[in-house]
């Protein structure tokens, strides 16, 4: 294992779209995008076929790169996971003293004739950290105190939340995805303070983060 500043933090993320029925107006639909760590959250019962009628679903291969890299070069040793249909899962990215922040993106698509309005982004808990080393508890606590995960949906700069070791929510979102194959980018930026880590690897685990969509504002 590399010591000191060469130690790395592994961040594991999963993204899930859960589709639910919403009784708003004439025939409204709603989707929920859920991000969680270390496991894939089960999708709720889906009354629609994601490939044809789902209000929002993951439609392209994700990518992960060092935050700020304009070329978005793939990170050696990173697993970008798989984003398709209801689930984005299997992400595992290394954070180091040299590259303490990684950005991952995936595309959400709307193939219905309804506009998909983003109605909120939330989580009920904060992120957690763990390490199996001799000083694991101390190092995990240090890393978590300086770590954050920022999740943004679409191009509206305020349509995001920043999760630390406490829950976060944003119910004042204003973005939307246009009907008939409109798309929006989901951006997950994972960052930690490299000075907090000493001599052991630490895993950052995200809580479940839900992105809610509705066909009626």
C-alpha atoms as a PDB file:
ATOM      1  CA  UNK A   1       0.000   0.000   0.000  1.00  0.00           C
ATOM      2  CA  UNK A   2       1.309   3.501  -0.814  1.00  0.00           C
ATOM      3  CA  UNK A   3       1.791   5.725   2.189  1.00  0.00           C
ATOM      4  CA  UNK A   4       0.858   9.250   3.151  1.00  0.00           C
ATOM      5  CA  UNK A   5      -0.168  11.474   0.215  1.00  0.00           C
ATOM      6  CA  UNK A   6      -0.185   8.557  -2.199  1.00  0.00           C
ATOM      7  CA  UNK A   7      -2.918   6.781  -0.268  1.00  0.00           C
ATOM      8  CA  UNK A   8      -6.191   6.777  -2.101  1.00  0.00           C
ATOM      9  CA  UNK A   9      -9.843   7.086  -1.300  1.00  0.00           C
ATOM     10  CA  UNK A  10     -12.238   4.837  -3.175  1.00  0.00           C
ATOM     11  CA  UNK A  11     -15.673   6.277  -3.818  1.00  0.00           C
ATOM     12  CA  UNK A  12     -18.396   3.832  -4.783  1.00  0.00           C
ATOM     13  CA  UNK A  13     -21.632   5.080  -6.303  1.00  0.00           C
ATOM     14  CA  UNK A  14     -24.818   3.602  -7.774  1.00  0.00           C
ATOM     15  CA  UNK A  15     -27.556   5.453  -9.644  1.00  0.00           C
ATOM     16  CA  UNK A  16     -31.141   4.205  -9.871  1.00  0.00           C
ATOM     17  CA  UNK A  17     -34.216   5.525 -11.600  1.00  0.00           C
ATOM     18  CA  UNK A  18     -37.439   4.564  -9.850  1.00  0.00           C
ATOM     19  CA  UNK A  19     -40.658   5.260 -11.729  1.00  0.00           C
ATOM     20  CA  UNK A  20     -43.870   5.970  -9.836  1.00  0.00           C
ATOM     21  CA  UNK A  21     -47.359   7.034 -10.814  1.00  0.00           C
ATOM     22  CA  UNK A  22     -48.408  10.557  -9.881  1.00  0.00           C
ATOM     23  CA  UNK A  23     -52.003  11.741  -9.675  1.00  0.00           C
ATOM     24  CA  UNK A  24     -51.632  15.245 -11.066  1.00  0.00           C
ATOM     25  CA  UNK A  25     -54.049  16.587 -13.666  1.00  0.00           C
ATOM     26  CA  UNK A  26     -55.005  14.399 -16.582  1.00  0.00           C
ATOM     27  CA  UNK A  27     -52.333  11.690 -16.790  1.00  0.00           C
ATOM     28  CA  UNK A  28     -49.143  12.823 -15.124  1.00  0.00           C
ATOM     29  CA  UNK A  29     -46.066  10.650 -14.756  1.00  0.00           C
ATOM     30  CA  UNK A  30     -43.166  10.866 -12.327  1.00  0.00           C
ATOM     31  CA  UNK A  31     -39.685   9.394 -12.145  1.00  0.00           C
ATOM     32  CA  UNK A  32     -37.130   9.283  -9.377  1.00  0.00           C
ATOM     33  CA  UNK A  33     -33.377   9.119  -9.930  1.00  0.00           C
ATOM     34  CA  UNK A  34     -31.646   7.522  -6.986  1.00  0.00           C
ATOM     35  CA  UNK A  35     -27.922   7.508  -6.252  1.00  0.00           C
ATOM     36  CA  UNK A  36     -26.570   5.167  -3.610  1.00  0.00           C
ATOM     37  CA  UNK A  37     -23.268   3.642  -2.724  1.00  0.00           C
ATOM     38  CA  UNK A  38     -21.932   0.084  -2.660  1.00  0.00           C
ATOM     39  CA  UNK A  39     -25.205  -1.420  -3.876  1.00  0.00           C
ATOM     40  CA  UNK A  40     -27.971  -0.942  -6.412  1.00  0.00           C
ATOM     41  CA  UNK A  41     -31.200   0.247  -4.825  1.00  0.00           C
ATOM     42  CA  UNK A  42     -34.232  -1.673  -6.080  1.00  0.00           C
ATOM     43  CA  UNK A  43     -36.427   0.300  -8.445  1.00  0.00           C
ATOM     44  CA  UNK A  44     -40.039   0.903  -7.494  1.00  0.00           C
ATOM     45  CA  UNK A  45     -42.808  -0.792  -9.463  1.00  0.00           C
ATOM     46  CA  UNK A  46     -42.757   0.721 -12.945  1.00  0.00           C
ATOM     47  CA  UNK A  47     -46.121   1.094 -14.730  1.00  0.00           C
ATOM     48  CA  UNK A  48     -44.315   2.129 -17.917  1.00  0.00           C
ATOM     49  CA  UNK A  49     -41.799   0.553 -20.267  1.00  0.00           C
ATOM     50  CA  UNK A  50     -38.574   2.542 -19.725  1.00  0.00           C
ATOM     51  CA  UNK A  51     -37.469   2.016 -23.317  1.00  0.00           C
ATOM     52  CA  UNK A  52     -40.585   3.660 -24.765  1.00  0.00           C
ATOM     53  CA  UNK A  53     -42.697   5.475 -22.179  1.00  0.00           C
ATOM     54  CA  UNK A  54     -40.526   6.102 -19.105  1.00  0.00           C
ATOM     55  CA  UNK A  55     -40.492   9.788 -18.250  1.00  0.00           C
ATOM     56  CA  UNK A  56     -36.725   9.645 -17.613  1.00  0.00           C
ATOM     57  CA  UNK A  57     -34.189   6.854 -17.964  1.00  0.00           C
ATOM     58  CA  UNK A  58     -30.444   6.398 -18.310  1.00  0.00           C
ATOM     59  CA  UNK A  59     -29.510   6.103 -21.960  1.00  0.00           C
ATOM     60  CA  UNK A  60     -25.747   6.394 -22.498  1.00  0.00           C
ATOM     61  CA  UNK A  61     -22.474   5.002 -21.207  1.00  0.00           C
ATOM     62  CA  UNK A  62     -21.153   7.007 -18.237  1.00  0.00           C
ATOM     63  CA  UNK A  63     -17.646   8.395 -17.941  1.00  0.00           C
ATOM     64  CA  UNK A  64     -15.368   9.452 -15.087  1.00  0.00           C
ATOM     65  CA  UNK A  65     -12.424  11.855 -15.273  1.00  0.00           C
ATOM     66  CA  UNK A  66     -10.298  14.058 -13.031  1.00  0.00           C
ATOM     67  CA  UNK A  67     -12.341  17.155 -12.172  1.00  0.00           C
ATOM     68  CA  UNK A  68     -11.259  20.068 -14.332  1.00  0.00           C
ATOM     69  CA  UNK A  69      -9.829  17.922 -17.136  1.00  0.00           C
ATOM     70  CA  UNK A  70     -11.234  19.566 -20.265  1.00  0.00           C
ATOM     71  CA  UNK A  71     -10.294  16.505 -22.328  1.00  0.00           C
ATOM     72  CA  UNK A  72     -12.224  14.272 -19.884  1.00  0.00           C
ATOM     73  CA  UNK A  73      -9.538  11.583 -20.130  1.00  0.00           C
ATOM     74  CA  UNK A  74     -10.579   8.247 -18.622  1.00  0.00           C
ATOM     75  CA  UNK A  75      -8.976   7.588 -15.232  1.00  0.00           C
ATOM     76  CA  UNK A  76      -6.661   4.597 -14.987  1.00  0.00           C
ATOM     77  CA  UNK A  77      -8.050   2.098 -12.482  1.00  0.00           C
ATOM     78  CA  UNK A  78     -11.536   3.609 -12.444  1.00  0.00           C
ATOM     79  CA  UNK A  79     -14.719   1.664 -13.111  1.00  0.00           C
ATOM     80  CA  UNK A  80     -17.360   3.969 -14.589  1.00  0.00           C
ATOM     81  CA  UNK A  81     -20.089   1.412 -14.036  1.00  0.00           C
ATOM     82  CA  UNK A  82     -23.065   0.827 -16.326  1.00  0.00           C
ATOM     83  CA  UNK A  83     -25.890   3.309 -16.918  1.00  0.00           C
ATOM     84  CA  UNK A  84     -28.874   1.866 -18.728  1.00  0.00           C
ATOM     85  CA  UNK A  85     -32.623   1.812 -18.119  1.00  0.00           C
ATOM     86  CA  UNK A  86     -33.299   2.139 -14.395  1.00  0.00           C
ATOM     87  CA  UNK A  87     -29.799   1.755 -13.009  1.00  0.00           C
ATOM     88  CA  UNK A  88     -26.372   3.355 -12.929  1.00  0.00           C
ATOM     89  CA  UNK A  89     -24.234   1.101 -10.785  1.00  0.00           C
ATOM     90  CA  UNK A  90     -20.729  -0.257 -10.300  1.00  0.00           C
ATOM     91  CA  UNK A  91     -18.809   3.018 -10.141  1.00  0.00           C
ATOM     92  CA  UNK A  92     -15.513   2.776  -8.278  1.00  0.00           C
ATOM     93  CA  UNK A  93     -13.066   5.662  -8.608  1.00  0.00           C
ATOM     94  CA  UNK A  94      -9.691   6.315  -6.932  1.00  0.00           C
ATOM     95  CA  UNK A  95      -9.003   9.676  -5.307  1.00  0.00           C
ATOM     96  CA  UNK A  96      -5.378  10.582  -4.566  1.00  0.00           C
ATOM     97  CA  UNK A  97      -3.415  13.542  -3.218  1.00  0.00           C
ATOM     98  CA  UNK A  98      -2.590  14.454  -6.815  1.00  0.00           C
ATOM     99  CA  UNK A  99      -6.179  14.045  -8.022  1.00  0.00           C
ATOM    100  CA  UNK A 100      -8.462  14.584  -5.007  1.00  0.00           C
ATOM    101  CA  UNK A 101     -11.620  15.141  -7.069  1.00  0.00           C
ATOM    102  CA  UNK A 102     -13.299  12.989  -9.720  1.00  0.00           C
ATOM    103  CA  UNK A 103     -16.316  13.847 -11.863  1.00  0.00           C
ATOM    104  CA  UNK A 104     -18.622  11.205 -13.350  1.00  0.00           C
ATOM    105  CA  UNK A 105     -21.426  11.926 -15.806  1.00  0.00           C
ATOM    106  CA  UNK A 106     -24.318  10.033 -17.359  1.00  0.00           C
ATOM    107  CA  UNK A 107     -27.239  11.042 -19.591  1.00  0.00           C
ATOM    108  CA  UNK A 108     -30.922  10.928 -18.694  1.00  0.00           C
ATOM    109  CA  UNK A 109     -33.321  10.826 -21.655  1.00  0.00           C
ATOM    110  CA  UNK A 110     -37.043  11.546 -21.997  1.00  0.00           C
ATOM    111  CA  UNK A 111     -38.799   9.775 -24.884  1.00  0.00           C
ATOM    112  CA  UNK A 112     -42.355  10.692 -23.946  1.00  0.00           C
ATOM    113  CA  UNK A 113     -44.428  13.542 -25.350  1.00  0.00           C
ATOM    114  CA  UNK A 114     -44.465  15.154 -21.883  1.00  0.00           C
ATOM    115  CA  UNK A 115     -41.887  17.571 -20.485  1.00  0.00           C
ATOM    116  CA  UNK A 116     -40.047  15.971 -17.557  1.00  0.00           C
ATOM    117  CA  UNK A 117     -39.791  18.619 -14.845  1.00  0.00           C
ATOM    118  CA  UNK A 118     -37.132  18.172 -12.164  1.00  0.00           C
ATOM    119  CA  UNK A 119     -39.069  18.625  -8.924  1.00  0.00           C
ATOM    120  CA  UNK A 120     -36.404  17.933  -6.328  1.00  0.00           C
ATOM    121  CA  UNK A 121     -33.102  16.368  -5.279  1.00  0.00           C
ATOM    122  CA  UNK A 122     -32.727  14.974  -1.772  1.00  0.00           C
ATOM    123  CA  UNK A 123     -31.120  12.530   0.610  1.00  0.00           C
ATOM    124  CA  UNK A 124     -32.085  11.503   4.123  1.00  0.00           C
ATOM    125  CA  UNK A 125     -28.553  10.861   5.430  1.00  0.00           C
ATOM    126  CA  UNK A 126     -24.996  11.974   4.759  1.00  0.00           C
ATOM    127  CA  UNK A 127     -22.061  10.065   3.318  1.00  0.00           C
ATOM    128  CA  UNK A 128     -20.086   7.590   5.415  1.00  0.00           C
ATOM    129  CA  UNK A 129     -16.464   6.434   5.354  1.00  0.00           C
ATOM    130  CA  UNK A 130     -14.749   3.204   6.366  1.00  0.00           C
ATOM    131  CA  UNK A 131     -11.299   1.620   6.506  1.00  0.00           C
ATOM    132  CA  UNK A 132     -10.133  -1.795   7.628  1.00  0.00           C
ATOM    133  CA  UNK A 133      -6.634  -0.648   8.599  1.00  0.00           C
ATOM    134  CA  UNK A 134      -5.089  -0.383  12.054  1.00  0.00           C
ATOM    135  CA  UNK A 135      -6.044   3.289  12.300  1.00  0.00           C
ATOM    136  CA  UNK A 136      -9.143   2.778  10.197  1.00  0.00           C
ATOM    137  CA  UNK A 137     -11.687   4.532  12.387  1.00  0.00           C
ATOM    138  CA  UNK A 138      -9.547   7.638  12.853  1.00  0.00           C
ATOM    139  CA  UNK A 139      -8.646   7.889   9.187  1.00  0.00           C
ATOM    140  CA  UNK A 140     -12.232   7.265   8.074  1.00  0.00           C
ATOM    141  CA  UNK A 141     -13.523  10.016  10.348  1.00  0.00           C
ATOM    142  CA  UNK A 142     -10.838  12.428   9.114  1.00  0.00           C
ATOM    143  CA  UNK A 143     -11.637  11.731   5.473  1.00  0.00           C
ATOM    144  CA  UNK A 144     -15.403  12.058   5.955  1.00  0.00           C
ATOM    145  CA  UNK A 145     -15.015  15.395   7.712  1.00  0.00           C
ATOM    146  CA  UNK A 146     -13.475  16.864   4.553  1.00  0.00           C
ATOM    147  CA  UNK A 147     -15.286  14.901   1.845  1.00  0.00           C
ATOM    148  CA  UNK A 148     -18.256  15.930  -0.268  1.00  0.00           C
ATOM    149  CA  UNK A 149     -20.357  14.692  -3.162  1.00  0.00           C
ATOM    150  CA  UNK A 150     -22.012  17.234  -5.430  1.00  0.00           C
ATOM    151  CA  UNK A 151     -24.837  16.020  -7.658  1.00  0.00           C
ATOM    152  CA  UNK A 152     -26.238  18.263 -10.388  1.00  0.00           C
ATOM    153  CA  UNK A 153     -28.976  17.483 -12.892  1.00  0.00           C
ATOM    154  CA  UNK A 154     -29.055  19.395 -16.165  1.00  0.00           C
ATOM    155  CA  UNK A 155     -27.549  22.780 -16.958  1.00  0.00           C
ATOM    156  CA  UNK A 156     -29.263  24.945 -14.325  1.00  0.00           C
ATOM    157  CA  UNK A 157     -26.479  25.747 -11.867  1.00  0.00           C
ATOM    158  CA  UNK A 158     -28.800  25.750  -8.846  1.00  0.00           C
ATOM    159  CA  UNK A 159     -30.308  22.315  -9.608  1.00  0.00           C
ATOM    160  CA  UNK A 160     -27.886  20.443  -7.371  1.00  0.00           C
ATOM    161  CA  UNK A 161     -27.147  19.316  -3.846  1.00  0.00           C
ATOM    162  CA  UNK A 162     -23.871  18.928  -1.977  1.00  0.00           C
ATOM    163  CA  UNK A 163     -23.768  15.986   0.414  1.00  0.00           C
ATOM    164  CA  UNK A 164     -21.264  15.918   3.274  1.00  0.00           C
ATOM    165  CA  UNK A 165     -21.682  13.917   6.469  1.00  0.00           C
ATOM    166  CA  UNK A 166     -25.194  15.371   6.790  1.00  0.00           C
ATOM    167  CA  UNK A 167     -28.353  15.039   4.725  1.00  0.00           C
ATOM    168  CA  UNK A 168     -29.111  17.546   1.966  1.00  0.00           C
ATOM    169  CA  UNK A 169     -32.138  18.414  -0.142  1.00  0.00           C
ATOM    170  CA  UNK A 170     -33.221  20.901  -2.794  1.00  0.00           C
ATOM    171  CA  UNK A 171     -36.936  21.249  -3.486  1.00  0.00           C
ATOM    172  CA  UNK A 172     -36.575  24.473  -5.468  1.00  0.00           C
ATOM    173  CA  UNK A 173     -35.261  23.008  -8.706  1.00  0.00           C
ATOM    174  CA  UNK A 174     -36.310  24.624 -11.979  1.00  0.00           C
ATOM    175  CA  UNK A 175     -34.822  22.485 -14.747  1.00  0.00           C
ATOM    176  CA  UNK A 176     -36.618  20.129 -17.105  1.00  0.00           C
ATOM    177  CA  UNK A 177     -36.019  17.617 -19.879  1.00  0.00           C
ATOM    178  CA  UNK A 178     -37.704  18.333 -23.197  1.00  0.00           C
ATOM    179  CA  UNK A 179     -40.123  15.742 -24.636  1.00  0.00           C
ATOM    180  CA  UNK A 180     -39.340  13.459 -27.555  1.00  0.00           C
ATOM    181  CA  UNK A 181     -35.773  12.350 -26.807  1.00  0.00           C
ATOM    182  CA  UNK A 182     -34.712  15.405 -24.815  1.00  0.00           C
ATOM    183  CA  UNK A 183     -31.696  14.791 -22.566  1.00  0.00           C
ATOM    184  CA  UNK A 184     -30.032  16.100 -19.417  1.00  0.00           C
ATOM    185  CA  UNK A 185     -26.644  15.309 -17.922  1.00  0.00           C
ATOM    186  CA  UNK A 186     -26.366  13.978 -14.376  1.00  0.00           C
ATOM    187  CA  UNK A 187     -23.032  15.039 -12.886  1.00  0.00           C
ATOM    188  CA  UNK A 188     -21.575  13.454  -9.747  1.00  0.00           C
ATOM    189  CA  UNK A 189     -18.447  15.169  -8.375  1.00  0.00           C
ATOM    190  CA  UNK A 190     -16.674  13.366  -5.545  1.00  0.00           C
ATOM    191  CA  UNK A 191     -14.019  15.319  -3.616  1.00  0.00           C
ATOM    192  CA  UNK A 192     -11.934  14.829  -0.478  1.00  0.00           C
ATOM    193  CA  UNK A 193      -9.222  16.714   1.386  1.00  0.00           C
ATOM    194  CA  UNK A 194      -5.985  14.745   0.766  1.00  0.00           C
ATOM    195  CA  UNK A 195      -4.336  16.175   3.878  1.00  0.00           C
ATOM    196  CA  UNK A 196      -6.852  14.250   6.002  1.00  0.00           C
ATOM    197  CA  UNK A 197      -5.570  10.831   4.909  1.00  0.00           C
ATOM    198  CA  UNK A 198      -2.451   9.336   6.462  1.00  0.00           C
ATOM    199  CA  UNK A 199      -1.438   5.766   5.698  1.00  0.00           C
ATOM    200  CA  UNK A 200      -4.550   3.756   4.834  1.00  0.00           C
ATOM    201  CA  UNK A 201      -7.128   3.510   2.063  1.00  0.00           C
ATOM    202  CA  UNK A 202     -10.600   4.758   2.937  1.00  0.00           C
ATOM    203  CA  UNK A 203     -13.886   4.000   1.164  1.00  0.00           C
ATOM    204  CA  UNK A 204     -16.425   6.813   0.838  1.00  0.00           C
ATOM    205  CA  UNK A 205     -19.978   5.492   0.593  1.00  0.00           C
ATOM    206  CA  UNK A 206     -22.827   7.659  -0.635  1.00  0.00           C
ATOM    207  CA  UNK A 207     -26.302   7.634   0.870  1.00  0.00           C
ATOM    208  CA  UNK A 208     -29.331   7.248  -1.368  1.00  0.00           C
ATOM    209  CA  UNK A 209     -29.892  10.454  -3.325  1.00  0.00           C
ATOM    210  CA  UNK A 210     -33.211  10.855  -5.114  1.00  0.00           C
ATOM    211  CA  UNK A 211     -33.868  12.989  -8.204  1.00  0.00           C
ATOM    212  CA  UNK A 212     -37.598  13.417  -8.792  1.00  0.00           C
ATOM    213  CA  UNK A 213     -39.257  14.164 -12.127  1.00  0.00           C
ATOM    214  CA  UNK A 214     -42.867  14.917 -12.961  1.00  0.00           C
ATOM    215  CA  UNK A 215     -44.775  15.691 -16.132  1.00  0.00           C
ATOM    216  CA  UNK A 216     -46.601  18.464 -14.263  1.00  0.00           C
ATOM    217  CA  UNK A 217     -44.864  21.270 -12.350  1.00  0.00           C
END
